N, C-alpha and C. Protein backbone atom coordinates (compact mmCIF):
# COMPACT_ATOMS: atom_id res chain seq x y z
N MET A 1 11.12 2.93 12.26
CA MET A 1 11.28 2.53 10.87
C MET A 1 12.76 2.28 10.53
N SER A 2 13.68 2.74 11.35
CA SER A 2 15.09 2.65 11.02
C SER A 2 15.62 1.23 10.99
N GLU A 3 14.99 0.29 11.74
CA GLU A 3 15.49 -1.07 11.74
C GLU A 3 15.14 -1.84 10.48
N PHE A 4 14.49 -1.20 9.53
CA PHE A 4 14.10 -1.85 8.29
C PHE A 4 15.15 -1.69 7.19
N LYS A 5 16.32 -1.18 7.52
CA LYS A 5 17.37 -0.93 6.53
C LYS A 5 17.73 -2.20 5.76
N GLY A 6 17.95 -2.03 4.45
CA GLY A 6 18.39 -3.13 3.61
C GLY A 6 17.27 -3.97 3.03
N LYS A 7 16.06 -3.84 3.53
CA LYS A 7 14.94 -4.60 3.00
C LYS A 7 14.15 -3.74 2.03
N CYS A 8 13.35 -4.40 1.23
CA CYS A 8 12.63 -3.72 0.17
C CYS A 8 11.21 -4.25 0.09
N VAL A 9 10.23 -3.34 -0.01
CA VAL A 9 8.84 -3.72 -0.25
C VAL A 9 8.28 -2.81 -1.34
N ILE A 10 7.27 -3.32 -2.02
CA ILE A 10 6.57 -2.55 -3.04
C ILE A 10 5.12 -2.44 -2.64
N GLY A 11 4.57 -1.24 -2.75
CA GLY A 11 3.15 -1.01 -2.51
C GLY A 11 2.50 -0.62 -3.82
N ILE A 12 1.32 -1.18 -4.08
CA ILE A 12 0.60 -0.88 -5.31
C ILE A 12 -0.83 -0.48 -4.95
N ASP A 13 -1.25 0.68 -5.44
CA ASP A 13 -2.65 1.09 -5.36
C ASP A 13 -3.24 0.82 -6.74
N LEU A 14 -3.82 -0.35 -6.90
CA LEU A 14 -4.22 -0.86 -8.21
C LEU A 14 -5.53 -0.26 -8.69
N ALA A 15 -5.52 0.22 -9.93
CA ALA A 15 -6.74 0.68 -10.59
C ALA A 15 -7.37 -0.50 -11.32
N ALA A 16 -8.68 -0.48 -11.49
CA ALA A 16 -9.38 -1.59 -12.15
C ALA A 16 -9.03 -1.68 -13.63
N SER A 17 -8.75 -0.56 -14.26
CA SER A 17 -8.51 -0.52 -15.70
C SER A 17 -7.14 0.08 -16.00
N ILE A 18 -6.51 -0.38 -17.06
CA ILE A 18 -5.22 0.19 -17.45
C ILE A 18 -5.37 1.61 -18.00
N ARG A 19 -6.60 2.06 -18.20
CA ARG A 19 -6.82 3.45 -18.64
C ARG A 19 -6.66 4.43 -17.48
N ASN A 20 -6.72 3.93 -16.25
CA ASN A 20 -6.57 4.77 -15.07
C ASN A 20 -5.24 4.48 -14.39
N PRO A 21 -4.64 5.49 -13.76
CA PRO A 21 -3.33 5.26 -13.15
C PRO A 21 -3.40 4.41 -11.88
N SER A 22 -2.41 3.55 -11.75
CA SER A 22 -2.20 2.82 -10.50
C SER A 22 -1.00 3.48 -9.82
N GLY A 23 -1.05 3.58 -8.50
CA GLY A 23 0.09 4.10 -7.76
C GLY A 23 1.08 2.97 -7.51
N TRP A 24 2.35 3.27 -7.61
CA TRP A 24 3.42 2.28 -7.38
C TRP A 24 4.46 2.92 -6.48
N ALA A 25 4.86 2.20 -5.43
CA ALA A 25 5.87 2.73 -4.51
C ALA A 25 6.86 1.64 -4.16
N LEU A 26 8.13 1.98 -4.23
CA LEU A 26 9.21 1.11 -3.79
C LEU A 26 9.77 1.72 -2.52
N LEU A 27 9.76 0.95 -1.44
CA LEU A 27 10.30 1.39 -0.16
C LEU A 27 11.49 0.51 0.16
N LYS A 28 12.68 1.09 0.07
CA LYS A 28 13.91 0.35 0.37
C LYS A 28 14.59 1.07 1.52
N GLY A 29 14.70 0.36 2.65
CA GLY A 29 15.18 1.03 3.85
C GLY A 29 14.16 2.10 4.20
N ASN A 30 14.57 3.35 4.20
CA ASN A 30 13.61 4.43 4.47
C ASN A 30 13.47 5.36 3.25
N THR A 31 13.93 4.90 2.08
CA THR A 31 13.84 5.70 0.87
C THR A 31 12.69 5.24 -0.01
N VAL A 32 11.89 6.20 -0.45
CA VAL A 32 10.70 5.93 -1.25
C VAL A 32 10.92 6.40 -2.68
N LYS A 33 10.54 5.56 -3.63
CA LYS A 33 10.46 5.94 -5.04
C LYS A 33 9.04 5.63 -5.48
N THR A 34 8.38 6.59 -6.11
CA THR A 34 6.98 6.38 -6.52
C THR A 34 6.79 6.75 -7.98
N SER A 35 5.71 6.23 -8.55
CA SER A 35 5.29 6.65 -9.88
C SER A 35 3.85 6.22 -10.11
N LEU A 36 3.29 6.78 -11.16
CA LEU A 36 1.98 6.34 -11.63
C LEU A 36 2.22 5.44 -12.82
N VAL A 37 1.62 4.26 -12.81
CA VAL A 37 1.79 3.28 -13.89
C VAL A 37 0.41 2.86 -14.37
N TYR A 38 0.37 2.29 -15.57
CA TYR A 38 -0.92 1.93 -16.16
C TYR A 38 -1.04 0.44 -16.44
N THR A 39 -0.03 -0.16 -17.05
CA THR A 39 -0.15 -1.56 -17.46
C THR A 39 0.43 -2.51 -16.42
N ASP A 40 0.02 -3.76 -16.49
CA ASP A 40 0.54 -4.77 -15.56
C ASP A 40 2.04 -4.95 -15.76
N SER A 41 2.51 -4.86 -16.99
CA SER A 41 3.95 -5.04 -17.22
C SER A 41 4.75 -3.89 -16.61
N GLU A 42 4.20 -2.66 -16.60
CA GLU A 42 4.88 -1.55 -15.93
C GLU A 42 5.00 -1.82 -14.43
N ILE A 43 3.94 -2.37 -13.84
CA ILE A 43 3.94 -2.66 -12.41
C ILE A 43 4.99 -3.73 -12.10
N LEU A 44 5.11 -4.77 -12.96
CA LEU A 44 6.04 -5.87 -12.68
C LEU A 44 7.46 -5.54 -13.03
N ILE A 45 7.66 -4.81 -14.12
CA ILE A 45 9.01 -4.62 -14.62
C ILE A 45 9.63 -3.34 -14.11
N SER A 46 8.96 -2.21 -14.18
CA SER A 46 9.57 -0.92 -13.85
C SER A 46 9.50 -0.61 -12.35
N LYS A 47 8.83 -1.10 -11.78
CA LYS A 47 8.67 -0.65 -10.38
C LYS A 47 7.78 -1.55 -9.32
N GLY A 48 -13.33 -0.21 12.39
CA GLY A 48 -14.29 -0.65 11.54
C GLY A 48 -13.89 -0.41 10.16
N TYR A 49 -13.32 -1.41 9.69
CA TYR A 49 -12.85 -1.28 8.36
C TYR A 49 -13.98 -1.55 7.40
N ARG A 50 -14.13 -0.65 6.45
CA ARG A 50 -15.19 -0.82 5.47
C ARG A 50 -14.54 -0.79 4.10
N VAL A 51 -14.58 -1.92 3.45
CA VAL A 51 -14.10 -2.00 2.07
C VAL A 51 -15.20 -2.66 1.25
N PHE A 52 -15.17 -2.41 -0.04
CA PHE A 52 -16.15 -3.04 -0.91
C PHE A 52 -15.75 -4.50 -1.15
N PRO A 53 -16.68 -5.44 -1.04
CA PRO A 53 -16.34 -6.84 -1.29
C PRO A 53 -16.05 -7.06 -2.77
N PRO A 54 -15.24 -8.09 -3.10
CA PRO A 54 -14.87 -8.33 -4.49
C PRO A 54 -16.06 -8.57 -5.41
N ASN A 55 -17.20 -9.05 -4.87
CA ASN A 55 -18.34 -9.31 -5.74
C ASN A 55 -19.22 -8.08 -5.94
N PHE A 56 -18.87 -6.95 -5.32
CA PHE A 56 -19.57 -5.68 -5.54
C PHE A 56 -19.31 -5.30 -6.99
N PRO A 57 -20.35 -4.93 -7.76
CA PRO A 57 -20.17 -4.72 -9.20
C PRO A 57 -18.99 -3.83 -9.59
N ALA A 58 -18.80 -2.72 -8.88
CA ALA A 58 -17.71 -1.81 -9.23
C ALA A 58 -16.33 -2.41 -8.92
N MET A 59 -16.29 -3.40 -8.04
CA MET A 59 -15.01 -3.99 -7.63
C MET A 59 -14.64 -5.24 -8.40
N LYS A 60 -15.57 -5.83 -9.12
CA LYS A 60 -15.30 -7.10 -9.80
C LYS A 60 -14.13 -7.00 -10.78
N LYS A 61 -14.12 -5.95 -11.58
CA LYS A 61 -13.04 -5.75 -12.54
C LYS A 61 -11.69 -5.58 -11.83
N LEU A 62 -11.70 -4.80 -10.75
CA LEU A 62 -10.49 -4.60 -9.97
C LEU A 62 -10.02 -5.92 -9.35
N ALA A 63 -10.94 -6.70 -8.80
CA ALA A 63 -10.59 -7.97 -8.18
C ALA A 63 -9.98 -8.93 -9.20
N LEU A 64 -10.56 -8.99 -10.38
CA LEU A 64 -10.02 -9.88 -11.42
C LEU A 64 -8.62 -9.46 -11.85
N ARG A 65 -8.40 -8.16 -11.99
CA ARG A 65 -7.06 -7.68 -12.34
C ARG A 65 -6.08 -7.99 -11.21
N ALA A 66 -6.50 -7.80 -9.97
CA ALA A 66 -5.62 -8.07 -8.83
C ALA A 66 -5.24 -9.55 -8.76
N ILE A 67 -6.20 -10.42 -9.01
CA ILE A 67 -5.91 -11.87 -9.00
C ILE A 67 -4.90 -12.21 -10.07
N ARG A 68 -5.10 -11.67 -11.27
CA ARG A 68 -4.18 -11.93 -12.39
C ARG A 68 -2.77 -11.40 -12.07
N LEU A 69 -2.70 -10.19 -11.56
CA LEU A 69 -1.41 -9.59 -11.23
C LEU A 69 -0.73 -10.34 -10.08
N ASN A 70 -1.52 -10.75 -9.10
CA ASN A 70 -0.98 -11.49 -7.96
C ASN A 70 -0.33 -12.80 -8.42
N ARG A 71 -0.97 -13.48 -9.36
CA ARG A 71 -0.37 -14.72 -9.89
C ARG A 71 0.97 -14.45 -10.56
N LEU A 72 1.04 -13.37 -11.33
CA LEU A 72 2.30 -13.03 -12.00
C LEU A 72 3.39 -12.70 -10.99
N ILE A 73 3.05 -11.99 -9.94
CA ILE A 73 4.02 -11.63 -8.90
C ILE A 73 4.49 -12.88 -8.17
N GLU A 74 3.56 -13.76 -7.81
CA GLU A 74 3.94 -14.97 -7.08
C GLU A 74 4.77 -15.93 -7.93
N GLU A 75 4.57 -15.90 -9.26
CA GLU A 75 5.42 -16.71 -10.15
C GLU A 75 6.88 -16.30 -10.03
N LYS A 76 7.13 -15.05 -9.69
CA LYS A 76 8.50 -14.54 -9.51
C LYS A 76 8.98 -14.81 -8.08
N ARG A 77 8.17 -15.53 -7.30
CA ARG A 77 8.49 -15.96 -5.94
C ARG A 77 8.52 -14.82 -4.91
N TYR A 78 7.74 -13.77 -5.19
CA TYR A 78 7.56 -12.71 -4.22
C TYR A 78 6.30 -13.01 -3.41
N LYS A 79 6.27 -12.60 -2.18
CA LYS A 79 5.08 -12.78 -1.34
C LYS A 79 4.21 -11.53 -1.45
N THR A 80 2.92 -11.72 -1.38
CA THR A 80 1.99 -10.59 -1.47
C THR A 80 1.01 -10.62 -0.30
N ILE A 81 0.51 -9.45 0.05
CA ILE A 81 -0.60 -9.32 0.99
C ILE A 81 -1.58 -8.32 0.39
N GLU A 82 -2.83 -8.48 0.71
CA GLU A 82 -3.87 -7.55 0.27
C GLU A 82 -4.06 -6.51 1.36
N VAL A 83 -3.97 -5.24 0.98
CA VAL A 83 -4.14 -4.16 1.95
C VAL A 83 -5.21 -3.19 1.46
N HIS A 84 -5.66 -2.34 2.34
CA HIS A 84 -6.60 -1.27 2.02
C HIS A 84 -6.04 -0.01 2.68
N PRO A 85 -5.42 0.88 1.88
CA PRO A 85 -4.72 2.03 2.46
C PRO A 85 -5.55 2.88 3.41
N THR A 86 -6.82 3.10 3.10
CA THR A 86 -7.64 3.90 4.00
C THR A 86 -7.79 3.21 5.35
N SER A 87 -7.92 1.89 5.35
CA SER A 87 -8.02 1.15 6.62
C SER A 87 -6.70 1.21 7.38
N THR A 88 -5.58 1.18 6.66
CA THR A 88 -4.28 1.35 7.33
C THR A 88 -4.21 2.70 8.02
N ARG A 89 -4.60 3.76 7.31
CA ARG A 89 -4.56 5.09 7.92
C ARG A 89 -5.52 5.18 9.11
N LYS A 90 -6.67 4.54 8.99
CA LYS A 90 -7.62 4.54 10.10
C LYS A 90 -7.03 3.83 11.31
N ALA A 91 -6.41 2.67 11.09
CA ALA A 91 -5.82 1.90 12.20
C ALA A 91 -4.69 2.67 12.87
N LEU A 92 -3.96 3.47 12.09
CA LEU A 92 -2.82 4.22 12.62
C LEU A 92 -3.19 5.65 13.02
N GLN A 93 -4.49 5.96 13.03
CA GLN A 93 -4.99 7.27 13.42
C GLN A 93 -4.38 8.40 12.59
N MET A 94 -4.27 8.15 11.29
CA MET A 94 -3.80 9.16 10.33
C MET A 94 -5.02 9.78 9.65
N PRO A 95 -4.85 10.94 9.03
CA PRO A 95 -5.96 11.49 8.23
C PRO A 95 -6.32 10.51 7.12
N LEU A 96 -7.61 10.37 6.85
CA LEU A 96 -8.04 9.40 5.85
C LEU A 96 -7.90 9.92 4.43
N LYS A 97 -8.22 11.18 4.20
CA LYS A 97 -8.20 11.73 2.84
C LYS A 97 -7.46 13.06 2.72
N ASP A 98 -6.75 13.46 3.74
CA ASP A 98 -5.96 14.70 3.68
C ASP A 98 -4.56 14.32 3.20
N TRP A 99 -4.38 14.39 1.88
CA TRP A 99 -3.17 13.86 1.24
C TRP A 99 -1.92 14.62 1.66
N LYS A 100 -2.03 15.93 1.78
CA LYS A 100 -0.88 16.74 2.18
C LYS A 100 -0.44 16.38 3.60
N ALA A 101 -1.41 16.27 4.51
CA ALA A 101 -1.08 15.92 5.90
C ALA A 101 -0.51 14.50 5.97
N THR A 102 -1.06 13.60 5.18
CA THR A 102 -0.55 12.22 5.17
C THR A 102 0.89 12.18 4.67
N GLN A 103 1.19 12.95 3.64
CA GLN A 103 2.56 12.99 3.13
C GLN A 103 3.51 13.56 4.19
N GLU A 104 3.06 14.56 4.92
CA GLU A 104 3.88 15.12 6.00
C GLU A 104 4.14 14.06 7.09
N ILE A 105 3.13 13.27 7.40
CA ILE A 105 3.30 12.20 8.39
C ILE A 105 4.32 11.18 7.89
N LEU A 106 4.26 10.82 6.61
CA LEU A 106 5.22 9.86 6.06
C LEU A 106 6.64 10.39 6.19
N LYS A 107 6.82 11.69 5.97
CA LYS A 107 8.14 12.29 6.16
C LYS A 107 8.54 12.27 7.64
N THR A 108 7.58 12.56 8.53
CA THR A 108 7.85 12.54 9.97
C THR A 108 8.29 11.15 10.42
N LEU A 109 7.76 10.11 9.76
CA LEU A 109 8.14 8.74 10.08
C LEU A 109 9.57 8.42 9.61
N GLY A 110 10.19 9.36 8.91
CA GLY A 110 11.58 9.15 8.48
C GLY A 110 11.73 8.69 7.05
N LEU A 111 10.63 8.67 6.29
CA LEU A 111 10.75 8.26 4.89
C LEU A 111 11.43 9.36 4.09
N LYS A 112 12.26 8.97 3.17
CA LYS A 112 13.06 9.88 2.35
C LYS A 112 12.70 9.70 0.88
N GLY A 113 13.42 10.38 0.03
CA GLY A 113 13.23 10.23 -1.41
C GLY A 113 12.12 11.11 -1.93
N GLU A 114 11.34 10.57 -2.87
CA GLU A 114 10.33 11.37 -3.55
C GLU A 114 9.25 11.91 -2.61
N VAL A 115 9.06 11.26 -1.49
CA VAL A 115 8.09 11.76 -0.51
C VAL A 115 8.51 13.14 0.01
N GLU A 116 9.82 13.47 -0.11
CA GLU A 116 10.34 14.77 0.34
C GLU A 116 10.41 15.81 -0.77
N THR A 117 10.45 15.37 -2.02
CA THR A 117 10.81 16.29 -3.10
C THR A 117 9.65 16.88 -3.88
N ARG A 118 8.47 16.27 -3.81
CA ARG A 118 7.34 16.78 -4.59
C ARG A 118 6.04 16.30 -3.98
N PRO A 119 4.95 17.00 -4.25
CA PRO A 119 3.65 16.50 -3.79
C PRO A 119 3.32 15.21 -4.54
N LEU A 120 3.02 14.17 -3.81
CA LEU A 120 2.68 12.90 -4.45
C LEU A 120 1.20 12.88 -4.83
N ALA A 121 0.90 12.18 -5.92
CA ALA A 121 -0.49 11.97 -6.32
C ALA A 121 -1.17 11.08 -5.29
N THR A 122 -2.48 11.15 -5.21
CA THR A 122 -3.22 10.35 -4.23
C THR A 122 -2.93 8.86 -4.37
N HIS A 123 -2.83 8.38 -5.60
CA HIS A 123 -2.54 6.95 -5.82
C HIS A 123 -1.13 6.60 -5.34
N GLU A 124 -0.20 7.54 -5.46
CA GLU A 124 1.16 7.30 -4.96
C GLU A 124 1.17 7.24 -3.43
N ILE A 125 0.42 8.13 -2.79
CA ILE A 125 0.34 8.11 -1.33
C ILE A 125 -0.30 6.80 -0.86
N ASP A 126 -1.34 6.35 -1.56
CA ASP A 126 -1.94 5.06 -1.22
C ASP A 126 -0.93 3.92 -1.40
N ALA A 127 -0.10 4.00 -2.44
CA ALA A 127 0.90 2.96 -2.66
C ALA A 127 1.97 2.98 -1.56
N VAL A 128 2.39 4.17 -1.13
CA VAL A 128 3.35 4.26 -0.02
C VAL A 128 2.71 3.72 1.25
N THR A 129 1.44 4.03 1.46
CA THR A 129 0.72 3.50 2.62
C THR A 129 0.67 1.98 2.58
N ALA A 130 0.45 1.42 1.39
CA ALA A 130 0.45 -0.04 1.24
C ALA A 130 1.83 -0.62 1.57
N ALA A 131 2.89 0.05 1.11
CA ALA A 131 4.25 -0.41 1.41
C ALA A 131 4.52 -0.33 2.92
N LEU A 132 4.05 0.73 3.56
CA LEU A 132 4.20 0.86 5.01
C LEU A 132 3.49 -0.30 5.72
N THR A 133 2.31 -0.67 5.23
CA THR A 133 1.59 -1.81 5.79
C THR A 133 2.42 -3.08 5.65
N ALA A 134 3.07 -3.25 4.50
CA ALA A 134 3.90 -4.44 4.29
C ALA A 134 5.08 -4.47 5.26
N VAL A 135 5.69 -3.32 5.50
CA VAL A 135 6.79 -3.25 6.48
C VAL A 135 6.29 -3.68 7.85
N LEU A 136 5.15 -3.16 8.25
CA LEU A 136 4.59 -3.53 9.55
C LEU A 136 4.23 -5.01 9.60
N HIS A 137 3.78 -5.54 8.47
CA HIS A 137 3.47 -6.97 8.39
C HIS A 137 4.73 -7.81 8.61
N LEU A 138 5.82 -7.41 8.00
CA LEU A 138 7.09 -8.14 8.17
C LEU A 138 7.59 -8.06 9.61
N LYS A 139 7.15 -7.05 10.34
CA LYS A 139 7.53 -6.88 11.75
C LYS A 139 6.46 -7.45 12.69
N SER A 140 5.53 -8.25 12.15
CA SER A 140 4.45 -8.89 12.92
C SER A 140 3.60 -7.88 13.68
N GLN A 141 3.34 -6.74 13.05
CA GLN A 141 2.53 -5.69 13.66
C GLN A 141 1.22 -5.46 12.91
N THR A 142 0.71 -6.52 12.28
CA THR A 142 -0.55 -6.43 11.52
C THR A 142 -1.47 -7.57 11.93
N GLU A 143 -2.71 -7.46 11.43
CA GLU A 143 -3.67 -8.55 11.59
C GLU A 143 -4.50 -8.65 10.31
N ARG A 144 -5.07 -9.83 10.09
CA ARG A 144 -5.96 -10.03 8.95
C ARG A 144 -7.38 -9.81 9.40
N VAL A 145 -8.14 -9.08 8.60
CA VAL A 145 -9.57 -8.89 8.88
C VAL A 145 -10.35 -9.29 7.64
N GLY A 146 -11.56 -9.75 7.87
CA GLY A 146 -12.41 -10.20 6.77
C GLY A 146 -12.87 -11.62 7.00
N ASP A 147 -13.28 -12.27 5.92
CA ASP A 147 -13.70 -13.67 6.02
C ASP A 147 -13.43 -14.37 4.70
N GLU A 148 -13.61 -15.68 4.71
CA GLU A 148 -13.32 -16.52 3.54
C GLU A 148 -14.15 -16.11 2.34
N GLU A 149 -15.42 -15.78 2.56
CA GLU A 149 -16.33 -15.46 1.46
C GLU A 149 -15.97 -14.13 0.78
N LYS A 150 -15.75 -13.09 1.58
CA LYS A 150 -15.50 -11.76 1.02
C LYS A 150 -14.02 -11.46 0.86
N GLY A 151 -13.18 -12.26 1.49
CA GLY A 151 -11.75 -12.06 1.38
C GLY A 151 -11.17 -11.40 2.62
N TYR A 152 -9.86 -11.34 2.67
CA TYR A 152 -9.14 -10.78 3.80
C TYR A 152 -8.28 -9.61 3.36
N ILE A 153 -8.08 -8.67 4.26
CA ILE A 153 -7.08 -7.63 4.06
C ILE A 153 -6.17 -7.62 5.28
N THR A 154 -4.97 -7.14 5.09
CA THR A 154 -4.01 -7.01 6.18
C THR A 154 -3.98 -5.55 6.60
N VAL A 155 -4.16 -5.31 7.89
CA VAL A 155 -4.12 -3.95 8.43
C VAL A 155 -3.20 -3.92 9.64
N PRO A 156 -2.61 -2.77 9.93
CA PRO A 156 -1.80 -2.65 11.14
C PRO A 156 -2.66 -2.85 12.38
N LYS A 157 -2.04 -3.36 13.43
CA LYS A 157 -2.71 -3.39 14.72
C LYS A 157 -2.95 -1.93 15.12
N LYS A 158 -4.12 -1.65 15.70
CA LYS A 158 -4.49 -0.27 16.00
C LYS A 158 -3.50 0.36 16.96
N ARG A 159 -3.04 1.55 16.57
CA ARG A 159 -2.12 2.34 17.39
C ARG A 159 -1.98 3.72 16.76
N ASP A 160 -1.40 4.63 17.48
CA ASP A 160 -1.14 5.97 16.95
C ASP A 160 0.11 5.93 16.07
N TRP A 161 0.04 6.53 14.92
CA TRP A 161 1.18 6.51 13.99
C TRP A 161 2.46 7.04 14.62
N ARG A 162 2.32 7.93 15.59
CA ARG A 162 3.50 8.52 16.23
C ARG A 162 4.37 7.47 16.93
N THR A 163 3.76 6.35 17.33
CA THR A 163 4.53 5.30 17.99
C THR A 163 5.42 4.55 17.01
N LEU A 164 5.18 4.71 15.71
CA LEU A 164 6.01 4.04 14.69
C LEU A 164 7.37 4.72 14.56
N ALA A 165 7.41 6.01 14.84
CA ALA A 165 8.65 6.77 14.69
C ALA A 165 9.64 6.48 15.82
N ALA A 166 9.17 5.89 16.88
CA ALA A 166 10.03 5.62 18.06
C ALA A 166 11.05 4.53 17.80
């Protein structure tokens, strides 16, 4: 992870509704800053893979919000990728839902900042995981899975997370 110095990525674990928190993570070099945000303006201004398809009833609202937010981000000329944090953890052989262990792994990978100073909320850990996926994508260490009809997500190429620290 050390060769990523000077670059910056943002990971977002988007909630379907502004009534629920979205996780937001800024990864610059190896320093992480996270927060829970609610509105789209907060996200823009302040900071076997199994996924549900966008046409699944519970996901439709989330998909529509993601499309709207993605347009706003791309208007600012930033590039975006769609990720699924649980699939990232699965591809990297990390715990899927053990948040404390996942946070420890993120620290072992050399991440600094808020990941070291306090227990992160689950949405924040998902956002950091999304940012980690973006870093791997920039290093050509990911692949797209899915199809045109249901959509694509970007996931790391399968490997043990311990090889990332090397």
